Amino acid sequence: MADPGRSTLPLPDYDHLPIGGLEARVRSLTAEEVEELIAYERTHADRVPVNELLTARLEQLKAGAEPTSGDPAALRPEQGEGHTGSPVSPATSPEPFGPPPHGTPDQRGKPKGDRT
């Protein structure tokens, strides 16, 4: 089998999918498409967990499993348009304060002795 190019792979952005996303997406592929990914993986990154995942799925398909419905190019949560930074902003931050002069609120002062 010829080495498939990155742009002709059955899963868009295959190289950037986390293994959890890859596991869900290979279920919609045919045996030929999984073989194509195996060939690509072995000639490029050759990641052991990914090879194991793809080989296991290929064995399932050869044993009679059917590809599930779904679009391998569908919007993926790992490519969401959400914010990637901290949700903290000046509007949500507490007012700054200084610690008490005698220590911290967690460390109470010691008694001064016996005062009568």
PDB file of N, CA and C in Angstrom:
ATOM      1  N   MET A   1       0.855  -1.182   0.000  1.00  0.00           N
ATOM      2  CA  MET A   1       0.000   0.000   0.000  1.00  0.00           C
ATOM      3  C   MET A   1       0.891   1.233   0.000  1.00  0.00           C
ATOM      4  N   ALA A   2       0.589   2.180  -0.838  1.00  0.00           N
ATOM      5  CA  ALA A   2       1.371   3.406  -0.930  1.00  0.00           C
ATOM      6  C   ALA A   2       1.157   4.250   0.319  1.00  0.00           C
ATOM      7  N   ASP A   3       2.148   5.056   0.624  1.00  0.00           N
ATOM      8  CA  ASP A   3       2.063   5.934   1.796  1.00  0.00           C
ATOM      9  C   ASP A   3       1.060   7.044   1.520  1.00  0.00           C
ATOM     10  N   PRO A   4      -0.060   7.070   2.240  1.00  0.00           N
ATOM     11  CA  PRO A   4      -1.044   8.113   1.991  1.00  0.00           C
ATOM     12  C   PRO A   4      -0.533   9.467   2.481  1.00  0.00           C
ATOM     13  N   GLY A   5      -0.897  10.493   1.788  1.00  0.00           N
ATOM     14  CA  GLY A   5      -0.539  11.840   2.210  1.00  0.00           C
ATOM     15  C   GLY A   5      -1.450  12.302   3.324  1.00  0.00           C
ATOM     16  N   ARG A   6      -0.994  13.260   4.061  1.00  0.00           N
ATOM     17  CA  ARG A   6      -1.763  13.783   5.193  1.00  0.00           C
ATOM     18  C   ARG A   6      -3.124  14.310   4.743  1.00  0.00           C
ATOM     19  N   SER A   7      -3.188  14.928   3.570  1.00  0.00           N
ATOM     20  CA  SER A   7      -4.449  15.525   3.113  1.00  0.00           C
ATOM     21  C   SER A   7      -5.451  14.491   2.622  1.00  0.00           C
ATOM     22  N   THR A   8      -5.029  13.262   2.361  1.00  0.00           N
ATOM     23  CA  THR A   8      -5.948  12.245   1.860  1.00  0.00           C
ATOM     24  C   THR A   8      -6.388  11.258   2.932  1.00  0.00           C
ATOM     25  N   LEU A   9      -6.011  11.475   4.170  1.00  0.00           N
ATOM     26  CA  LEU A   9      -6.393  10.558   5.249  1.00  0.00           C
ATOM     27  C   LEU A   9      -7.895  10.623   5.491  1.00  0.00           C
ATOM     28  N   PRO A  10      -8.491   9.513   5.924  1.00  0.00           N
ATOM     29  CA  PRO A  10      -9.938   9.500   6.164  1.00  0.00           C
ATOM     30  C   PRO A  10     -10.378  10.339   7.370  1.00  0.00           C
ATOM     31  N   LEU A  11      -9.467  10.700   8.243  1.00  0.00           N
ATOM     32  CA  LEU A  11      -9.795  11.552   9.389  1.00  0.00           C
ATOM     33  C   LEU A  11      -9.060  12.873   9.249  1.00  0.00           C
ATOM     34  N   PRO A  12      -9.779  13.985   9.167  1.00  0.00           N
ATOM     35  CA  PRO A  12      -9.108  15.285   9.083  1.00  0.00           C
ATOM     36  C   PRO A  12      -8.307  15.556  10.355  1.00  0.00           C
ATOM     37  N   ASP A  13      -7.174  16.182  10.218  1.00  0.00           N
ATOM     38  CA  ASP A  13      -6.303  16.521  11.344  1.00  0.00           C
ATOM     39  C   ASP A  13      -5.957  15.294  12.186  1.00  0.00           C
ATOM     40  N   TYR A  14      -5.757  14.172  11.538  1.00  0.00           N
ATOM     41  CA  TYR A  14      -5.441  12.918  12.237  1.00  0.00           C
ATOM     42  C   TYR A  14      -4.270  13.093  13.190  1.00  0.00           C
ATOM     43  N   ASP A  15      -3.232  13.792  12.737  1.00  0.00           N
ATOM     44  CA  ASP A  15      -2.024  13.947  13.556  1.00  0.00           C
ATOM     45  C   ASP A  15      -2.271  14.710  14.844  1.00  0.00           C
ATOM     46  N   HIS A  16      -3.331  15.490  14.912  1.00  0.00           N
ATOM     47  CA  HIS A  16      -3.579  16.341  16.074  1.00  0.00           C
ATOM     48  C   HIS A  16      -4.683  15.811  16.983  1.00  0.00           C
ATOM     49  N   LEU A  17      -5.245  14.667  16.645  1.00  0.00           N
ATOM     50  CA  LEU A  17      -6.308  14.112  17.484  1.00  0.00           C
ATOM     51  C   LEU A  17      -5.727  13.466  18.728  1.00  0.00           C
ATOM     52  N   PRO A  18      -6.282  13.746  19.908  1.00  0.00           N
ATOM     53  CA  PRO A  18      -5.861  13.008  21.098  1.00  0.00           C
ATOM     54  C   PRO A  18      -6.348  11.566  20.965  1.00  0.00           C
ATOM     55  N   ILE A  19      -5.724  10.657  21.673  1.00  0.00           N
ATOM     56  CA  ILE A  19      -6.058   9.247  21.510  1.00  0.00           C
ATOM     57  C   ILE A  19      -7.525   8.960  21.848  1.00  0.00           C
ATOM     58  N   GLY A  20      -8.093   9.686  22.795  1.00  0.00           N
ATOM     59  CA  GLY A  20      -9.513   9.505  23.113  1.00  0.00           C
ATOM     60  C   GLY A  20     -10.406   9.914  21.958  1.00  0.00           C
ATOM     61  N   GLY A  21     -10.071  11.006  21.281  1.00  0.00           N
ATOM     62  CA  GLY A  21     -10.837  11.437  20.121  1.00  0.00           C
ATOM     63  C   GLY A  21     -10.645  10.498  18.953  1.00  0.00           C
ATOM     64  N   LEU A  22      -9.460   9.971  18.821  1.00  0.00           N
ATOM     65  CA  LEU A  22      -9.173   9.028  17.746  1.00  0.00           C
ATOM     66  C   LEU A  22      -9.964   7.744  17.945  1.00  0.00           C
ATOM     67  N   GLU A  23     -10.017   7.276  19.179  1.00  0.00           N
ATOM     68  CA  GLU A  23     -10.732   6.043  19.476  1.00  0.00           C
ATOM     69  C   GLU A  23     -12.202   6.145  19.079  1.00  0.00           C
ATOM     70  N   ALA A  24     -12.825   7.273  19.340  1.00  0.00           N
ATOM     71  CA  ALA A  24     -14.230   7.460  18.989  1.00  0.00           C
ATOM     72  C   ALA A  24     -14.417   7.578  17.482  1.00  0.00           C
ATOM     73  N   ARG A  25     -13.472   8.196  16.783  1.00  0.00           N
ATOM     74  CA  ARG A  25     -13.632   8.444  15.359  1.00  0.00           C
ATOM     75  C   ARG A  25     -13.340   7.245  14.465  1.00  0.00           C
ATOM     76  N   VAL A  26     -12.441   6.353  14.895  1.00  0.00           N
ATOM     77  CA  VAL A  26     -12.128   5.204  14.039  1.00  0.00           C
ATOM     78  C   VAL A  26     -13.299   4.228  13.956  1.00  0.00           C
ATOM     79  N   ARG A  27     -14.250   4.350  14.858  1.00  0.00           N
ATOM     80  CA  ARG A  27     -15.407   3.455  14.819  1.00  0.00           C
ATOM     81  C   ARG A  27     -16.273   3.688  13.590  1.00  0.00           C
ATOM     82  N   SER A  28     -16.183   4.853  12.965  1.00  0.00           N
ATOM     83  CA  SER A  28     -16.993   5.135  11.782  1.00  0.00           C
ATOM     84  C   SER A  28     -16.281   4.782  10.481  1.00  0.00           C
ATOM     85  N   LEU A  29     -15.057   4.256  10.575  1.00  0.00           N
ATOM     86  CA  LEU A  29     -14.274   3.963   9.380  1.00  0.00           C
ATOM     87  C   LEU A  29     -14.416   2.510   8.937  1.00  0.00           C
ATOM     88  N   THR A  30     -14.203   2.294   7.648  1.00  0.00           N
ATOM     89  CA  THR A  30     -14.197   0.942   7.103  1.00  0.00           C
ATOM     90  C   THR A  30     -12.833   0.308   7.350  1.00  0.00           C
ATOM     91  N   ALA A  31     -12.729  -0.991   7.079  1.00  0.00           N
ATOM     92  CA  ALA A  31     -11.454  -1.688   7.270  1.00  0.00           C
ATOM     93  C   ALA A  31     -10.365  -1.088   6.385  1.00  0.00           C
ATOM     94  N   GLU A  32     -10.703  -0.720   5.159  1.00  0.00           N
ATOM     95  CA  GLU A  32      -9.716  -0.134   4.251  1.00  0.00           C
ATOM     96  C   GLU A  32      -9.197   1.208   4.782  1.00  0.00           C
ATOM     97  N   GLU A  33     -10.108   2.005   5.344  1.00  0.00           N
ATOM     98  CA  GLU A  33      -9.701   3.305   5.893  1.00  0.00           C
ATOM     99  C   GLU A  33      -8.810   3.122   7.124  1.00  0.00           C
ATOM    100  N   VAL A  34      -9.125   2.138   7.953  1.00  0.00           N
ATOM    101  CA  VAL A  34      -8.291   1.871   9.130  1.00  0.00           C
ATOM    102  C   VAL A  34      -6.913   1.388   8.684  1.00  0.00           C
ATOM    103  N   GLU A  35      -6.865   0.545   7.659  1.00  0.00           N
ATOM    104  CA  GLU A  35      -5.575   0.093   7.120  1.00  0.00           C
ATOM    105  C   GLU A  35      -4.754   1.274   6.604  1.00  0.00           C
ATOM    106  N   GLU A  36      -5.424   2.227   6.001  1.00  0.00           N
ATOM    107  CA  GLU A  36      -4.745   3.431   5.508  1.00  0.00           C
ATOM    108  C   GLU A  36      -4.134   4.221   6.672  1.00  0.00           C
ATOM    109  N   LEU A  37      -4.873   4.335   7.767  1.00  0.00           N
ATOM    110  CA  LEU A  37      -4.348   5.033   8.947  1.00  0.00           C
ATOM    111  C   LEU A  37      -3.180   4.269   9.563  1.00  0.00           C
ATOM    112  N   ILE A  38      -3.270   2.943   9.584  1.00  0.00           N
ATOM    113  CA  ILE A  38      -2.173   2.135  10.137  1.00  0.00           C
ATOM    114  C   ILE A  38      -0.907   2.357   9.318  1.00  0.00           C
ATOM    115  N   ALA A  39      -1.036   2.343   7.999  1.00  0.00           N
ATOM    116  CA  ALA A  39       0.134   2.558   7.137  1.00  0.00           C
ATOM    117  C   ALA A  39       0.727   3.945   7.368  1.00  0.00           C
ATOM    118  N   TYR A  40      -0.136   4.937   7.494  1.00  0.00           N
ATOM    119  CA  TYR A  40       0.344   6.304   7.732  1.00  0.00           C
ATOM    120  C   TYR A  40       1.037   6.399   9.094  1.00  0.00           C
ATOM    121  N   GLU A  41       0.420   5.829  10.110  1.00  0.00           N
ATOM    122  CA  GLU A  41       0.974   5.905  11.466  1.00  0.00           C
ATOM    123  C   GLU A  41       2.337   5.226  11.532  1.00  0.00           C
ATOM    124  N   ARG A  42       2.460   4.077  10.921  1.00  0.00           N
ATOM    125  CA  ARG A  42       3.726   3.338  10.980  1.00  0.00           C
ATOM    126  C   ARG A  42       4.858   4.053  10.260  1.00  0.00           C
ATOM    127  N   THR A  43       4.547   4.829   9.235  1.00  0.00           N
ATOM    128  CA  THR A  43       5.607   5.530   8.501  1.00  0.00           C
ATOM    129  C   THR A  43       5.870   6.932   9.045  1.00  0.00           C
ATOM    130  N   HIS A  44       5.061   7.369   9.990  1.00  0.00           N
ATOM    131  CA  HIS A  44       5.243   8.722  10.522  1.00  0.00           C
ATOM    132  C   HIS A  44       5.570   8.678  12.012  1.00  0.00           C
ATOM    133  N   ALA A  45       4.598   8.854  12.869  1.00  0.00           N
ATOM    134  CA  ALA A  45       4.869   8.939  14.314  1.00  0.00           C
ATOM    135  C   ALA A  45       5.142   7.566  14.937  1.00  0.00           C
ATOM    136  N   ASP A  46       4.497   6.531  14.434  1.00  0.00           N
ATOM    137  CA  ASP A  46       4.655   5.160  14.933  1.00  0.00           C
ATOM    138  C   ASP A  46       4.462   5.082  16.451  1.00  0.00           C
ATOM    139  N   ARG A  47       3.344   5.656  16.923  1.00  0.00           N
ATOM    140  CA  ARG A  47       3.015   5.648  18.351  1.00  0.00           C
ATOM    141  C   ARG A  47       2.411   4.296  18.731  1.00  0.00           C
ATOM    142  N   VAL A  48       2.981   3.656  19.719  1.00  0.00           N
ATOM    143  CA  VAL A  48       2.549   2.316  20.121  1.00  0.00           C
ATOM    144  C   VAL A  48       1.071   2.290  20.519  1.00  0.00           C
ATOM    145  N   PRO A  49       0.573   3.191  21.384  1.00  0.00           N
ATOM    146  CA  PRO A  49      -0.843   3.102  21.751  1.00  0.00           C
ATOM    147  C   PRO A  49      -1.775   3.304  20.555  1.00  0.00           C
ATOM    148  N   VAL A  50      -1.380   4.161  19.629  1.00  0.00           N
ATOM    149  CA  VAL A  50      -2.215   4.406  18.456  1.00  0.00           C
ATOM    150  C   VAL A  50      -2.200   3.176  17.551  1.00  0.00           C
ATOM    151  N   ASN A  51      -1.030   2.573  17.346  1.00  0.00           N
ATOM    152  CA  ASN A  51      -0.955   1.351  16.541  1.00  0.00           C
ATOM    153  C   ASN A  51      -1.806   0.246  17.157  1.00  0.00           C
ATOM    154  N   GLU A  52      -1.756   0.109  18.475  1.00  0.00           N
ATOM    155  CA  GLU A  52      -2.562  -0.911  19.148  1.00  0.00           C
ATOM    156  C   GLU A  52      -4.049  -0.649  18.960  1.00  0.00           C
ATOM    157  N   LEU A  53      -4.458   0.601  19.085  1.00  0.00           N
ATOM    158  CA  LEU A  53      -5.860   0.980  18.919  1.00  0.00           C
ATOM    159  C   LEU A  53      -6.340   0.677  17.505  1.00  0.00           C
ATOM    160  N   LEU A  54      -5.561   1.098  16.516  1.00  0.00           N
ATOM    161  CA  LEU A  54      -5.964   0.894  15.125  1.00  0.00           C
ATOM    162  C   LEU A  54      -5.973  -0.590  14.759  1.00  0.00           C
ATOM    163  N   THR A  55      -4.986  -1.336  15.237  1.00  0.00           N
ATOM    164  CA  THR A  55      -4.923  -2.766  14.943  1.00  0.00           C
ATOM    165  C   THR A  55      -6.104  -3.499  15.576  1.00  0.00           C
ATOM    166  N   ALA A  56      -6.453  -3.123  16.807  1.00  0.00           N
ATOM    167  CA  ALA A  56      -7.593  -3.747  17.485  1.00  0.00           C
ATOM    168  C   ALA A  56      -8.885  -3.454  16.725  1.00  0.00           C
ATOM    169  N   ARG A  57      -9.048  -2.220  16.250  1.00  0.00           N
ATOM    170  CA  ARG A  57     -10.257  -1.880  15.501  1.00  0.00           C
ATOM    171  C   ARG A  57     -10.307  -2.626  14.173  1.00  0.00           C
ATOM    172  N   LEU A  58      -9.166  -2.770  13.520  1.00  0.00           N
ATOM    173  CA  LEU A  58      -9.129  -3.511  12.264  1.00  0.00           C
ATOM    174  C   LEU A  58      -9.525  -4.972  12.502  1.00  0.00           C
ATOM    175  N   GLU A  59      -9.051  -5.559  13.576  1.00  0.00           N
ATOM    176  CA  GLU A  59      -9.416  -6.939  13.909  1.00  0.00           C
ATOM    177  C   GLU A  59     -10.917  -7.054  14.174  1.00  0.00           C
ATOM    178  N   GLN A  60     -11.485  -6.057  14.846  1.00  0.00           N
ATOM    179  CA  GLN A  60     -12.936  -6.059  15.091  1.00  0.00           C
ATOM    180  C   GLN A  60     -13.700  -6.019  13.777  1.00  0.00           C
ATOM    181  N   LEU A  61     -13.259  -5.170  12.861  1.00  0.00           N
ATOM    182  CA  LEU A  61     -13.942  -5.050  11.571  1.00  0.00           C
ATOM    183  C   LEU A  61     -13.822  -6.347  10.773  1.00  0.00           C
ATOM    184  N   LYS A  62     -12.664  -6.983  10.805  1.00  0.00           N
ATOM    185  CA  LYS A  62     -12.471  -8.239  10.080  1.00  0.00           C
ATOM    186  C   LYS A  62     -13.269  -9.369  10.712  1.00  0.00           C
ATOM    187  N   ALA A  63     -13.569  -9.252  12.007  1.00  0.00           N
ATOM    188  CA  ALA A  63     -14.363 -10.260  12.702  1.00  0.00           C
ATOM    189  C   ALA A  63     -15.862 -10.044  12.502  1.00  0.00           C
ATOM    190  N   GLY A  64     -16.244  -9.003  11.785  1.00  0.00           N
ATOM    191  CA  GLY A  64     -17.656  -8.795  11.484  1.00  0.00           C
ATOM    192  C   GLY A  64     -18.253  -7.519  12.042  1.00  0.00           C
ATOM    193  N   ALA A  65     -17.514  -6.743  12.779  1.00  0.00           N
ATOM    194  CA  ALA A  65     -18.053  -5.487  13.305  1.00  0.00           C
ATOM    195  C   ALA A  65     -18.357  -4.547  12.135  1.00  0.00           C
ATOM    196  N   GLU A  66     -19.372  -3.760  12.306  1.00  0.00           N
ATOM    197  CA  GLU A  66     -19.769  -2.787  11.284  1.00  0.00           C
ATOM    198  C   GLU A  66     -19.350  -1.393  11.715  1.00  0.00           C
ATOM    199  N   PRO A  67     -18.950  -0.548  10.761  1.00  0.00           N
ATOM    200  CA  PRO A  67     -18.665   0.848  11.114  1.00  0.00           C
ATOM    201  C   PRO A  67     -19.935   1.519  11.643  1.00  0.00           C
ATOM    202  N   THR A  68     -19.772   2.354  12.641  1.00  0.00           N
ATOM    203  CA  THR A  68     -20.914   3.070  13.203  1.00  0.00           C
ATOM    204  C   THR A  68     -21.244   4.258  12.331  1.00  0.00           C
ATOM    205  N   SER A  69     -22.426   4.787  12.509  1.00  0.00           N
ATOM    206  CA  SER A  69     -22.784   5.982  11.760  1.00  0.00           C
ATOM    207  C   SER A  69     -22.083   7.176  12.390  1.00  0.00           C
ATOM    208  N   GLY A  70     -21.935   8.202  11.644  1.00  0.00           N
ATOM    209  CA  GLY A  70     -21.271   9.395  12.137  1.00  0.00           C
ATOM    210  C   GLY A  70     -20.339   9.940  11.088  1.00  0.00           C
ATOM    211  N   ASP A  71     -20.008  11.180  11.250  1.00  0.00           N
ATOM    212  CA  ASP A  71     -19.148  11.855  10.296  1.00  0.00           C
ATOM    213  C   ASP A  71     -17.781  12.044  10.925  1.00  0.00           C
ATOM    214  N   PRO A  72     -16.714  11.417  10.356  1.00  0.00           N
ATOM    215  CA  PRO A  72     -15.387  11.593  10.937  1.00  0.00           C
ATOM    216  C   PRO A  72     -14.894  13.038  10.867  1.00  0.00           C
ATOM    217  N   ALA A  73     -15.508  13.857  10.042  1.00  0.00           N
ATOM    218  CA  ALA A  73     -15.098  15.253   9.925  1.00  0.00           C
ATOM    219  C   ALA A  73     -15.965  16.174  10.776  1.00  0.00           C
ATOM    220  N   ALA A  74     -16.856  15.591  11.582  1.00  0.00           N
ATOM    221  CA  ALA A  74     -17.755  16.410  12.395  1.00  0.00           C
ATOM    222  C   ALA A  74     -16.981  17.249  13.399  1.00  0.00           C
ATOM    223  N   LEU A  75     -17.648  18.273  13.903  1.00  0.00           N
ATOM    224  CA  LEU A  75     -17.034  19.153  14.900  1.00  0.00           C
ATOM    225  C   LEU A  75     -16.591  18.317  16.088  1.00  0.00           C
ATOM    226  N   ARG A  76     -15.377  18.514  16.498  1.00  0.00           N
ATOM    227  CA  ARG A  76     -14.813  17.752  17.598  1.00  0.00           C
ATOM    228  C   ARG A  76     -14.667  18.651  18.816  1.00  0.00           C
ATOM    229  N   PRO A  77     -14.945  18.121  20.009  1.00  0.00           N
ATOM    230  CA  PRO A  77     -14.801  18.932  21.219  1.00  0.00           C
ATOM    231  C   PRO A  77     -13.389  19.454  21.407  1.00  0.00           C
ATOM    232  N   GLU A  78     -12.389  18.680  20.972  1.00  0.00           N
ATOM    233  CA  GLU A  78     -11.018  19.128  21.163  1.00  0.00           C
ATOM    234  C   GLU A  78     -10.656  20.300  20.258  1.00  0.00           C
ATOM    235  N   GLN A  79     -11.536  20.640  19.312  1.00  0.00           N
ATOM    236  CA  GLN A  79     -11.305  21.797  18.450  1.00  0.00           C
ATOM    237  C   GLN A  79     -12.338  22.881  18.701  1.00  0.00           C
ATOM    238  N   GLY A  80     -12.947  22.871  19.860  1.00  0.00           N
ATOM    239  CA  GLY A  80     -13.978  23.841  20.181  1.00  0.00           C
ATOM    240  C   GLY A  80     -13.462  25.268  20.117  1.00  0.00           C
ATOM    241  N   GLU A  81     -14.387  26.161  19.992  1.00  0.00           N
ATOM    242  CA  GLU A  81     -14.049  27.570  19.885  1.00  0.00           C
ATOM    243  C   GLU A  81     -14.012  28.235  21.254  1.00  0.00           C
ATOM    244  N   GLY A  82     -14.004  27.444  22.304  1.00  0.00           N
ATOM    245  CA  GLY A  82     -14.032  27.989  23.660  1.00  0.00           C
ATOM    246  C   GLY A  82     -12.757  28.723  24.017  1.00  0.00           C
ATOM    247  N   HIS A  83     -12.785  29.343  25.166  1.00  0.00           N
ATOM    248  CA  HIS A  83     -11.617  30.062  25.654  1.00  0.00           C
ATOM    249  C   HIS A  83     -10.594  29.075  26.176  1.00  0.00           C
ATOM    250  N   THR A  84      -9.335  29.403  26.001  1.00  0.00           N
ATOM    251  CA  THR A  84      -8.292  28.501  26.478  1.00  0.00           C
ATOM    252  C   THR A  84      -7.592  29.039  27.709  1.00  0.00           C
ATOM    253  N   GLY A  85      -7.884  30.261  28.094  1.00  0.00           N
ATOM    254  CA  GLY A  85      -7.209  30.856  29.239  1.00  0.00           C
ATOM    255  C   GLY A  85      -8.022  30.723  30.511  1.00  0.00           C
ATOM    256  N   SER A  86      -7.568  31.382  31.531  1.00  0.00           N
ATOM    257  CA  SER A  86      -8.235  31.359  32.814  1.00  0.00           C
ATOM    258  C   SER A  86      -9.521  32.169  32.759  1.00  0.00           C
ATOM    259  N   PRO A  87     -10.587  31.715  33.443  1.00  0.00           N
ATOM    260  CA  PRO A  87     -11.823  32.486  33.453  1.00  0.00           C
ATOM    261  C   PRO A  87     -11.758  33.686  34.398  1.00  0.00           C
ATOM    262  N   VAL A  88     -10.645  33.855  35.088  1.00  0.00           N
ATOM    263  CA  VAL A  88     -10.508  34.966  36.025  1.00  0.00           C
ATOM    264  C   VAL A  88     -10.245  36.251  35.255  1.00  0.00           C
ATOM    265  N   SER A  89     -10.930  37.287  35.646  1.00  0.00           N
ATOM    266  CA  SER A  89     -10.722  38.604  35.054  1.00  0.00           C
ATOM    267  C   SER A  89     -10.782  39.637  36.178  1.00  0.00           C
ATOM    268  N   PRO A  90     -10.397  40.870  35.910  1.00  0.00           N
ATOM    269  CA  PRO A  90     -10.508  41.886  36.963  1.00  0.00           C
ATOM    270  C   PRO A  90     -11.932  42.023  37.507  1.00  0.00           C
ATOM    271  N   ALA A  91     -12.930  41.768  36.664  1.00  0.00           N
ATOM    272  CA  ALA A  91     -14.312  41.888  37.113  1.00  0.00           C
ATOM    273  C   ALA A  91     -14.697  40.773  38.079  1.00  0.00           C
ATOM    274  N   THR A  92     -14.053  39.611  37.974  1.00  0.00           N
ATOM    275  CA  THR A  92     -14.407  38.486  38.841  1.00  0.00           C
ATOM    276  C   THR A  92     -13.411  38.272  39.977  1.00  0.00           C
ATOM    277  N   SER A  93     -12.384  39.067  40.037  1.00  0.00           N
ATOM    278  CA  SER A  93     -11.370  38.909  41.082  1.00  0.00           C
ATOM    279  C   SER A  93     -11.822  39.575  42.378  1.00  0.00           C
ATOM    280  N   PRO A  94     -11.429  39.030  43.528  1.00  0.00           N
ATOM    281  CA  PRO A  94     -11.795  39.669  44.790  1.00  0.00           C
ATOM    282  C   PRO A  94     -10.977  40.943  44.990  1.00  0.00           C
ATOM    283  N   GLU A  95     -11.453  41.758  45.892  1.00  0.00           N
ATOM    284  CA  GLU A  95     -10.724  42.979  46.231  1.00  0.00           C
ATOM    285  C   GLU A  95      -9.418  42.601  46.926  1.00  0.00           C
ATOM    286  N   PRO A  96      -8.330  43.256  46.599  1.00  0.00           N
ATOM    287  CA  PRO A  96      -7.070  42.940  47.272  1.00  0.00           C
ATOM    288  C   PRO A  96      -7.141  43.339  48.751  1.00  0.00           C
ATOM    289  N   PHE A  97      -6.444  42.609  49.597  1.00  0.00           N
ATOM    290  CA  PHE A  97      -6.411  42.938  51.012  1.00  0.00           C
ATOM    291  C   PHE A  97      -5.029  42.597  51.543  1.00  0.00           C
ATOM    292  N   GLY A  98      -4.669  43.230  52.624  1.00  0.00           N
ATOM    293  CA  GLY A  98      -3.385  42.958  53.267  1.00  0.00           C
ATOM    294  C   GLY A  98      -3.582  42.005  54.416  1.00  0.00           C
ATOM    295  N   PRO A  99      -2.594  41.194  54.736  1.00  0.00           N
ATOM    296  CA  PRO A  99      -2.733  40.293  55.877  1.00  0.00           C
ATOM    297  C   PRO A  99      -2.745  41.096  57.173  1.00  0.00           C
ATOM    298  N   PRO A 100      -3.308  40.545  58.224  1.00  0.00           N
ATOM    299  CA  PRO A 100      -3.303  41.251  59.501  1.00  0.00           C
ATOM    300  C   PRO A 100      -1.862  41.476  59.965  1.00  0.00           C
ATOM    301  N   PRO A 101      -1.616  42.513  60.738  1.00  0.00           N
ATOM    302  CA  PRO A 101      -0.246  42.831  61.128  1.00  0.00           C
ATOM    303  C   PRO A 101       0.397  41.794  62.058  1.00  0.00           C
ATOM    304  N   HIS A 102      -0.353  40.958  62.699  1.00  0.00           N
ATOM    305  CA  HIS A 102       0.201  40.005  63.661  1.00  0.00           C
ATOM    306  C   HIS A 102       0.288  38.584  63.115  1.00  0.00           C
ATOM    307  N   GLY A 103       0.197  38.365  61.849  1.00  0.00           N
ATOM    308  CA  GLY A 103       0.282  37.023  61.278  1.00  0.00           C
ATOM    309  C   GLY A 103      -0.818  36.808  60.265  1.00  0.00           C
ATOM    310  N   THR A 104      -1.199  35.605  60.130  1.00  0.00           N
ATOM    311  CA  THR A 104      -2.249  35.273  59.182  1.00  0.00           C
ATOM    312  C   THR A 104      -3.490  34.845  59.933  1.00  0.00           C
ATOM    313  N   PRO A 105      -4.630  34.872  59.288  1.00  0.00           N
ATOM    314  CA  PRO A 105      -5.867  34.467  59.973  1.00  0.00           C
ATOM    315  C   PRO A 105      -5.828  33.013  60.442  1.00  0.00           C
ATOM    316  N   ASP A 106      -5.009  32.193  59.820  1.00  0.00           N
ATOM    317  CA  ASP A 106      -4.920  30.794  60.222  1.00  0.00           C
ATOM    318  C   ASP A 106      -4.039  30.599  61.456  1.00  0.00           C
ATOM    319  N   GLN A 107      -3.212  31.566  61.769  1.00  0.00           N
ATOM    320  CA  GLN A 107      -2.309  31.443  62.920  1.00  0.00           C
ATOM    321  C   GLN A 107      -2.723  32.466  63.968  1.00  0.00           C
ATOM    322  N   ARG A 108      -3.462  31.999  64.939  1.00  0.00           N
ATOM    323  CA  ARG A 108      -3.917  32.882  66.008  1.00  0.00           C
ATOM    324  C   ARG A 108      -2.744  33.262  66.901  1.00  0.00           C
ATOM    325  N   GLY A 109      -2.827  34.429  67.487  1.00  0.00           N
ATOM    326  CA  GLY A 109      -1.782  34.878  68.400  1.00  0.00           C
ATOM    327  C   GLY A 109      -1.724  34.019  69.660  1.00  0.00           C
ATOM    328  N   LYS A 110      -0.562  33.957  70.275  1.00  0.00           N
ATOM    329  CA  LYS A 110      -0.398  33.179  71.515  1.00  0.00           C
ATOM    330  C   LYS A 110      -0.810  34.046  72.696  1.00  0.00           C
ATOM    331  N   PRO A 111      -1.325  33.391  73.743  1.00  0.00           N
ATOM    332  CA  PRO A 111      -1.681  34.167  74.938  1.00  0.00           C
ATOM    333  C   PRO A 111      -0.447  34.826  75.545  1.00  0.00           C
ATOM    334  N   LYS A 112      -0.622  35.979  76.142  1.00  0.00           N
ATOM    335  CA  LYS A 112       0.488  36.745  76.708  1.00  0.00           C
ATOM    336  C   LYS A 112       0.885  36.247  78.092  1.00  0.00           C
ATOM    337  N   GLY A 113       0.295  35.258  78.555  1.00  0.00           N
ATOM    338  CA  GLY A 113       0.630  34.772  79.884  1.00  0.00           C
ATOM    339  C   GLY A 113      -0.532  35.016  80.831  1.00  0.00           C
ATOM    340  N   ASP A 114      -0.244  34.998  82.110  1.00  0.00           N
ATOM    341  CA  ASP A 114      -1.294  35.136  83.103  1.00  0.00           C
ATOM    342  C   ASP A 114      -1.481  36.594  83.421  1.00  0.00           C
ATOM    343  N   ARG A 115      -2.499  37.205  82.910  1.00  0.00           N
ATOM    344  CA  ARG A 115      -2.815  38.608  83.222  1.00  0.00           C
ATOM    345  C   ARG A 115      -4.009  38.649  84.156  1.00  0.00           C
ATOM    346  N   THR A 116      -3.886  39.289  85.253  1.00  0.00           N
ATOM    347  CA  THR A 116      -4.999  39.409  86.185  1.00  0.00           C
ATOM    348  C   THR A 116      -5.278  40.814  86.547  1.00  0.00           C
TER     349      THR A 116
END
